[in-house]
Amino acid sequence: GSLRLSCAASGSIFSINAMGWYRQAPG
């Protein structure tokens, strides 16, 4: 199957030039 994840940013983002998705499984 498929999913589409979204990450919405707000606030002071002047110095933010890159974003990433990370994942962590239990343990």
PDB file of all heavy atoms in Angstrom:
ATOM      1  N   GLY A   1       0.799  -1.206   0.000  1.00  0.00           N
ATOM      2  CA  GLY A   1       0.000   0.000   0.000  1.00  0.00           C
ATOM      3  C   GLY A   1       0.836   1.260   0.000  1.00  0.00           C
ATOM      4  O   GLY A   1       2.065   1.225  -0.030  1.00  0.00           O
ATOM      5  N   SER A   2       0.141   2.391   0.062  1.00  0.00           N
ATOM      6  CA  SER A   2       0.798   3.689  -0.019  1.00  0.00           C
ATOM      7  C   SER A   2       0.289   4.625   1.064  1.00  0.00           C
ATOM      8  O   SER A   2      -0.853   4.525   1.510  1.00  0.00           O
ATOM      9  CB  SER A   2       0.560   4.337  -1.387  1.00  0.00           C
ATOM     10  OG  SER A   2       1.090   3.556  -2.433  1.00  0.00           O
ATOM     11  N   LEU A   3       1.151   5.535   1.464  1.00  0.00           N
ATOM     12  CA  LEU A   3       0.805   6.604   2.380  1.00  0.00           C
ATOM     13  C   LEU A   3       1.546   7.857   1.961  1.00  0.00           C
ATOM     14  O   LEU A   3       2.631   7.779   1.380  1.00  0.00           O
ATOM     15  CB  LEU A   3       1.181   6.269   3.822  1.00  0.00           C
ATOM     16  CG  LEU A   3       0.297   5.300   4.600  1.00  0.00           C
ATOM     17  CD1 LEU A   3       0.931   4.998   5.947  1.00  0.00           C
ATOM     18  CD2 LEU A   3      -1.101   5.868   4.787  1.00  0.00           C
ATOM     19  N   ARG A   4       0.969   8.994   2.284  1.00  0.00           N
ATOM     20  CA  ARG A   4       1.627  10.270   2.063  1.00  0.00           C
ATOM     21  C   ARG A   4       1.696  11.016   3.378  1.00  0.00           C
ATOM     22  O   ARG A   4       0.669  11.412   3.934  1.00  0.00           O
ATOM     23  CB  ARG A   4       0.884  11.111   1.034  1.00  0.00           C
ATOM     24  CG  ARG A   4       1.655  12.351   0.588  1.00  0.00           C
ATOM     25  CD  ARG A   4       0.769  13.306  -0.177  1.00  0.00           C
ATOM     26  NE  ARG A   4       1.537  14.359  -0.834  1.00  0.00           N
ATOM     27  CZ  ARG A   4       1.001  15.500  -1.266  1.00  0.00           C
ATOM     28  NH1 ARG A   4      -0.294  15.724  -1.130  1.00  0.00           N
ATOM     29  NH2 ARG A   4       1.777  16.398  -1.864  1.00  0.00           N
ATOM     30  N   LEU A   5       2.901  11.208   3.867  1.00  0.00           N
ATOM     31  CA  LEU A   5       3.115  11.919   5.103  1.00  0.00           C
ATOM     32  C   LEU A   5       3.376  13.395   4.827  1.00  0.00           C
ATOM     33  O   LEU A   5       3.965  13.749   3.807  1.00  0.00           O
ATOM     34  CB  LEU A   5       4.303  11.335   5.869  1.00  0.00           C
ATOM     35  CG  LEU A   5       4.295   9.820   6.098  1.00  0.00           C
ATOM     36  CD1 LEU A   5       5.493   9.419   6.942  1.00  0.00           C
ATOM     37  CD2 LEU A   5       2.996   9.370   6.745  1.00  0.00           C
ATOM     38  N   SER A   6       2.946  14.233   5.753  1.00  0.00           N
ATOM     39  CA  SER A   6       3.154  15.665   5.632  1.00  0.00           C
ATOM     40  C   SER A   6       3.859  16.185   6.870  1.00  0.00           C
ATOM     41  O   SER A   6       3.598  15.730   7.989  1.00  0.00           O
ATOM     42  CB  SER A   6       1.819  16.403   5.458  1.00  0.00           C
ATOM     43  OG  SER A   6       1.166  16.008   4.277  1.00  0.00           O
ATOM     44  N   CYS A   7       4.736  17.140   6.670  1.00  0.00           N
ATOM     45  CA  CYS A   7       5.430  17.819   7.750  1.00  0.00           C
ATOM     46  C   CYS A   7       5.298  19.309   7.513  1.00  0.00           C
ATOM     47  O   CYS A   7       5.908  19.855   6.587  1.00  0.00           O
ATOM     48  CB  CYS A   7       6.901  17.406   7.802  1.00  0.00           C
ATOM     49  SG  CYS A   7       7.901  18.337   8.983  1.00  0.00           S
ATOM     50  N   ALA A   8       4.507  19.954   8.338  1.00  0.00           N
ATOM     51  CA  ALA A   8       4.268  21.381   8.208  1.00  0.00           C
ATOM     52  C   ALA A   8       5.141  22.144   9.193  1.00  0.00           C
ATOM     53  O   ALA A   8       5.139  21.848  10.387  1.00  0.00           O
ATOM     54  CB  ALA A   8       2.796  21.693   8.445  1.00  0.00           C
ATOM     55  N   ALA A   9       5.864  23.121   8.690  1.00  0.00           N
ATOM     56  CA  ALA A   9       6.764  23.920   9.504  1.00  0.00           C
ATOM     57  C   ALA A   9       6.203  25.318   9.699  1.00  0.00           C
ATOM     58  O   ALA A   9       5.589  25.896   8.803  1.00  0.00           O
ATOM     59  CB  ALA A   9       8.145  24.005   8.858  1.00  0.00           C
ATOM     60  N   SER A  10       6.446  25.860  10.882  1.00  0.00           N
ATOM     61  CA  SER A  10       6.042  27.223  11.182  1.00  0.00           C
ATOM     62  C   SER A  10       7.050  27.830  12.142  1.00  0.00           C
ATOM     63  O   SER A  10       7.842  27.125  12.759  1.00  0.00           O
ATOM     64  CB  SER A  10       4.637  27.267  11.778  1.00  0.00           C
ATOM     65  OG  SER A  10       4.581  26.561  13.007  1.00  0.00           O
ATOM     66  N   GLY A  11       7.013  29.146  12.264  1.00  0.00           N
ATOM     67  CA  GLY A  11       7.922  29.837  13.156  1.00  0.00           C
ATOM     68  C   GLY A  11       9.105  30.434  12.422  1.00  0.00           C
ATOM     69  O   GLY A  11       9.014  30.772  11.241  1.00  0.00           O
ATOM     70  N   SER A  12      10.224  30.544  13.107  1.00  0.00           N
ATOM     71  CA  SER A  12      11.433  31.140  12.559  1.00  0.00           C
ATOM     72  C   SER A  12      12.201  30.110  11.756  1.00  0.00           C
ATOM     73  O   SER A  12      12.876  29.241  12.316  1.00  0.00           O
ATOM     74  CB  SER A  12      12.300  31.699  13.690  1.00  0.00           C
ATOM     75  OG  SER A  12      11.602  32.677  14.443  1.00  0.00           O
ATOM     76  N   ILE A  13      12.109  30.211  10.445  1.00  0.00           N
ATOM     77  CA  ILE A  13      12.727  29.222   9.566  1.00  0.00           C
ATOM     78  C   ILE A  13      13.794  29.843   8.675  1.00  0.00           C
ATOM     79  O   ILE A  13      14.145  29.273   7.640  1.00  0.00           O
ATOM     80  CB  ILE A  13      11.669  28.517   8.703  1.00  0.00           C
ATOM     81  CG1 ILE A  13      10.906  29.537   7.848  1.00  0.00           C
ATOM     82  CG2 ILE A  13      10.711  27.740   9.588  1.00  0.00           C
ATOM     83  CD1 ILE A  13       9.922  28.906   6.879  1.00  0.00           C
ATOM     84  N   PHE A  14      14.324  30.991   9.073  1.00  0.00           N
ATOM     85  CA  PHE A  14      15.270  31.699   8.219  1.00  0.00           C
ATOM     86  C   PHE A  14      16.507  30.874   7.899  1.00  0.00           C
ATOM     87  O   PHE A  14      17.006  30.912   6.770  1.00  0.00           O
ATOM     88  CB  PHE A  14      15.688  33.011   8.893  1.00  0.00           C
ATOM     89  CG  PHE A  14      14.551  33.844   9.385  1.00  0.00           C
ATOM     90  CD1 PHE A  14      14.267  33.912  10.735  1.00  0.00           C
ATOM     91  CD2 PHE A  14      13.769  34.558   8.502  1.00  0.00           C
ATOM     92  CE1 PHE A  14      13.222  34.679  11.194  1.00  0.00           C
ATOM     93  CE2 PHE A  14      12.719  35.329   8.949  1.00  0.00           C
ATOM     94  CZ  PHE A  14      12.446  35.389  10.302  1.00  0.00           C
ATOM     95  N   SER A  15      17.019  30.173   8.879  1.00  0.00           N
ATOM     96  CA  SER A  15      18.251  29.417   8.705  1.00  0.00           C
ATOM     97  C   SER A  15      18.025  27.973   8.283  1.00  0.00           C
ATOM     98  O   SER A  15      18.980  27.211   8.189  1.00  0.00           O
ATOM     99  CB  SER A  15      19.067  29.434  10.000  1.00  0.00           C
ATOM    100  OG  SER A  15      18.360  28.810  11.055  1.00  0.00           O
ATOM    101  N   ILE A  16      16.792  27.602   8.024  1.00  0.00           N
ATOM    102  CA  ILE A  16      16.460  26.235   7.649  1.00  0.00           C
ATOM    103  C   ILE A  16      16.521  26.099   6.136  1.00  0.00           C
ATOM    104  O   ILE A  16      15.703  26.682   5.422  1.00  0.00           O
ATOM    105  CB  ILE A  16      15.082  25.831   8.172  1.00  0.00           C
ATOM    106  CG1 ILE A  16      15.027  25.980   9.697  1.00  0.00           C
ATOM    107  CG2 ILE A  16      14.757  24.412   7.744  1.00  0.00           C
ATOM    108  CD1 ILE A  16      16.051  25.146  10.428  1.00  0.00           C
ATOM    109  N   ASN A  17      17.469  25.325   5.654  1.00  0.00           N
ATOM    110  CA  ASN A  17      17.635  25.117   4.225  1.00  0.00           C
ATOM    111  C   ASN A  17      17.357  23.693   3.782  1.00  0.00           C
ATOM    112  O   ASN A  17      17.300  23.437   2.583  1.00  0.00           O
ATOM    113  CB  ASN A  17      19.050  25.496   3.794  1.00  0.00           C
ATOM    114  CG  ASN A  17      19.346  26.958   4.015  1.00  0.00           C
ATOM    115  OD1 ASN A  17      18.540  27.825   3.662  1.00  0.00           O
ATOM    116  ND2 ASN A  17      20.505  27.242   4.588  1.00  0.00           N
ATOM    117  N   ALA A  18      17.197  22.796   4.721  1.00  0.00           N
ATOM    118  CA  ALA A  18      16.954  21.405   4.388  1.00  0.00           C
ATOM    119  C   ALA A  18      16.082  20.764   5.455  1.00  0.00           C
ATOM    120  O   ALA A  18      16.153  21.120   6.629  1.00  0.00           O
ATOM    121  CB  ALA A  18      18.270  20.637   4.254  1.00  0.00           C
ATOM    122  N   MET A  19      15.279  19.809   5.025  1.00  0.00           N
ATOM    123  CA  MET A  19      14.431  19.069   5.944  1.00  0.00           C
ATOM    124  C   MET A  19      14.522  17.592   5.615  1.00  0.00           C
ATOM    125  O   MET A  19      14.841  17.215   4.487  1.00  0.00           O
ATOM    126  CB  MET A  19      12.981  19.546   5.873  1.00  0.00           C
ATOM    127  CG  MET A  19      12.800  21.000   6.259  1.00  0.00           C
ATOM    128  SD  MET A  19      11.068  21.519   6.278  1.00  0.00           S
ATOM    129  CE  MET A  19      10.466  20.581   7.686  1.00  0.00           C
ATOM    130  N   GLY A  20      14.229  16.786   6.606  1.00  0.00           N
ATOM    131  CA  GLY A  20      14.314  15.358   6.398  1.00  0.00           C
ATOM    132  C   GLY A  20      13.267  14.592   7.173  1.00  0.00           C
ATOM    133  O   GLY A  20      12.726  15.080   8.166  1.00  0.00           O
ATOM    134  N   TRP A  21      12.993  13.403   6.679  1.00  0.00           N
ATOM    135  CA  TRP A  21      12.140  12.448   7.357  1.00  0.00           C
ATOM    136  C   TRP A  21      13.004  11.351   7.954  1.00  0.00           C
ATOM    137  O   TRP A  21      13.886  10.814   7.280  1.00  0.00           O
ATOM    138  CB  TRP A  21      11.120  11.837   6.402  1.00  0.00           C
ATOM    139  CG  TRP A  21       9.932  12.709   6.127  1.00  0.00           C
ATOM    140  CD1 TRP A  21       9.732  13.507   5.050  1.00  0.00           C
ATOM    141  CD2 TRP A  21       8.772  12.831   6.949  1.00  0.00           C
ATOM    142  NE1 TRP A  21       8.521  14.135   5.138  1.00  0.00           N
ATOM    143  CE2 TRP A  21       7.905  13.738   6.295  1.00  0.00           C
ATOM    144  CE3 TRP A  21       8.374  12.273   8.161  1.00  0.00           C
ATOM    145  CZ2 TRP A  21       6.668  14.096   6.832  1.00  0.00           C
ATOM    146  CZ3 TRP A  21       7.150  12.628   8.689  1.00  0.00           C
ATOM    147  CH2 TRP A  21       6.312  13.531   8.026  1.00  0.00           C
ATOM    148  N   TYR A  22      12.726  11.034   9.203  1.00  0.00           N
ATOM    149  CA  TYR A  22      13.409   9.972   9.911  1.00  0.00           C
ATOM    150  C   TYR A  22      12.377   8.983  10.421  1.00  0.00           C
ATOM    151  O   TYR A  22      11.195   9.311  10.539  1.00  0.00           O
ATOM    152  CB  TYR A  22      14.211  10.518  11.095  1.00  0.00           C
ATOM    153  CG  TYR A  22      15.186  11.621  10.732  1.00  0.00           C
ATOM    154  CD1 TYR A  22      14.753  12.922  10.533  1.00  0.00           C
ATOM    155  CD2 TYR A  22      16.545  11.357  10.612  1.00  0.00           C
ATOM    156  CE1 TYR A  22      15.635  13.933  10.211  1.00  0.00           C
ATOM    157  CE2 TYR A  22      17.443  12.363  10.293  1.00  0.00           C
ATOM    158  CZ  TYR A  22      16.984  13.647  10.095  1.00  0.00           C
ATOM    159  OH  TYR A  22      17.871  14.643   9.784  1.00  0.00           O
ATOM    160  N   ARG A  23      12.828   7.789  10.727  1.00  0.00           N
ATOM    161  CA  ARG A  23      11.923   6.813  11.312  1.00  0.00           C
ATOM    162  C   ARG A  23      12.642   6.034  12.396  1.00  0.00           C
ATOM    163  O   ARG A  23      13.861   5.870  12.358  1.00  0.00           O
ATOM    164  CB  ARG A  23      11.360   5.857  10.261  1.00  0.00           C
ATOM    165  CG  ARG A  23      12.384   4.944   9.605  1.00  0.00           C
ATOM    166  CD  ARG A  23      11.726   4.164   8.485  1.00  0.00           C
ATOM    167  NE  ARG A  23      12.657   3.264   7.814  1.00  0.00           N
ATOM    168  CZ  ARG A  23      12.359   2.580   6.721  1.00  0.00           C
ATOM    169  NH1 ARG A  23      11.145   2.694   6.171  1.00  0.00           N
ATOM    170  NH2 ARG A  23      13.259   1.778   6.171  1.00  0.00           N
ATOM    171  N   GLN A  24      11.861   5.569  13.353  1.00  0.00           N
ATOM    172  CA  GLN A  24      12.395   4.796  14.453  1.00  0.00           C
ATOM    173  C   GLN A  24      11.404   3.711  14.831  1.00  0.00           C
ATOM    174  O   GLN A  24      10.268   4.002  15.207  1.00  0.00           O
ATOM    175  CB  GLN A  24      12.692   5.684  15.656  1.00  0.00           C
ATOM    176  CG  GLN A  24      13.384   4.963  16.793  1.00  0.00           C
ATOM    177  CD  GLN A  24      13.849   5.903  17.884  1.00  0.00           C
ATOM    178  OE1 GLN A  24      13.287   6.980  18.078  1.00  0.00           O
ATOM    179  NE2 GLN A  24      14.891   5.504  18.594  1.00  0.00           N
ATOM    180  N   ALA A  25      11.839   2.485  14.711  1.00  0.00           N
ATOM    181  CA  ALA A  25      11.048   1.351  15.143  1.00  0.00           C
ATOM    182  C   ALA A  25      11.359   1.057  16.602  1.00  0.00           C
ATOM    183  O   ALA A  25      12.424   1.421  17.106  1.00  0.00           O
ATOM    184  CB  ALA A  25      11.349   0.132  14.274  1.00  0.00           C
ATOM    185  N   PRO A  26      10.447   0.411  17.312  1.00  0.00           N
ATOM    186  CA  PRO A  26      10.690   0.089  18.717  1.00  0.00           C
ATOM    187  C   PRO A  26      11.989  -0.677  18.910  1.00  0.00           C
ATOM    188  O   PRO A  26      12.242  -1.674  18.233  1.00  0.00           O
ATOM    189  CB  PRO A  26       9.478  -0.757  19.104  1.00  0.00           C
ATOM    190  CG  PRO A  26       8.400  -0.312  18.173  1.00  0.00           C
ATOM    191  CD  PRO A  26       9.103  -0.021  16.876  1.00  0.00           C
ATOM    192  N   GLY A  27      12.816  -0.195  19.826  1.00  0.00           N
ATOM    193  CA  GLY A  27      14.081  -0.836  20.108  1.00  0.00           C
ATOM    194  C   GLY A  27      15.168  -0.589  19.094  1.00  0.00           C
ATOM    195  O   GLY A  27      16.263  -1.143  19.223  1.00  0.00           O
TER     196      GLY A  27
END
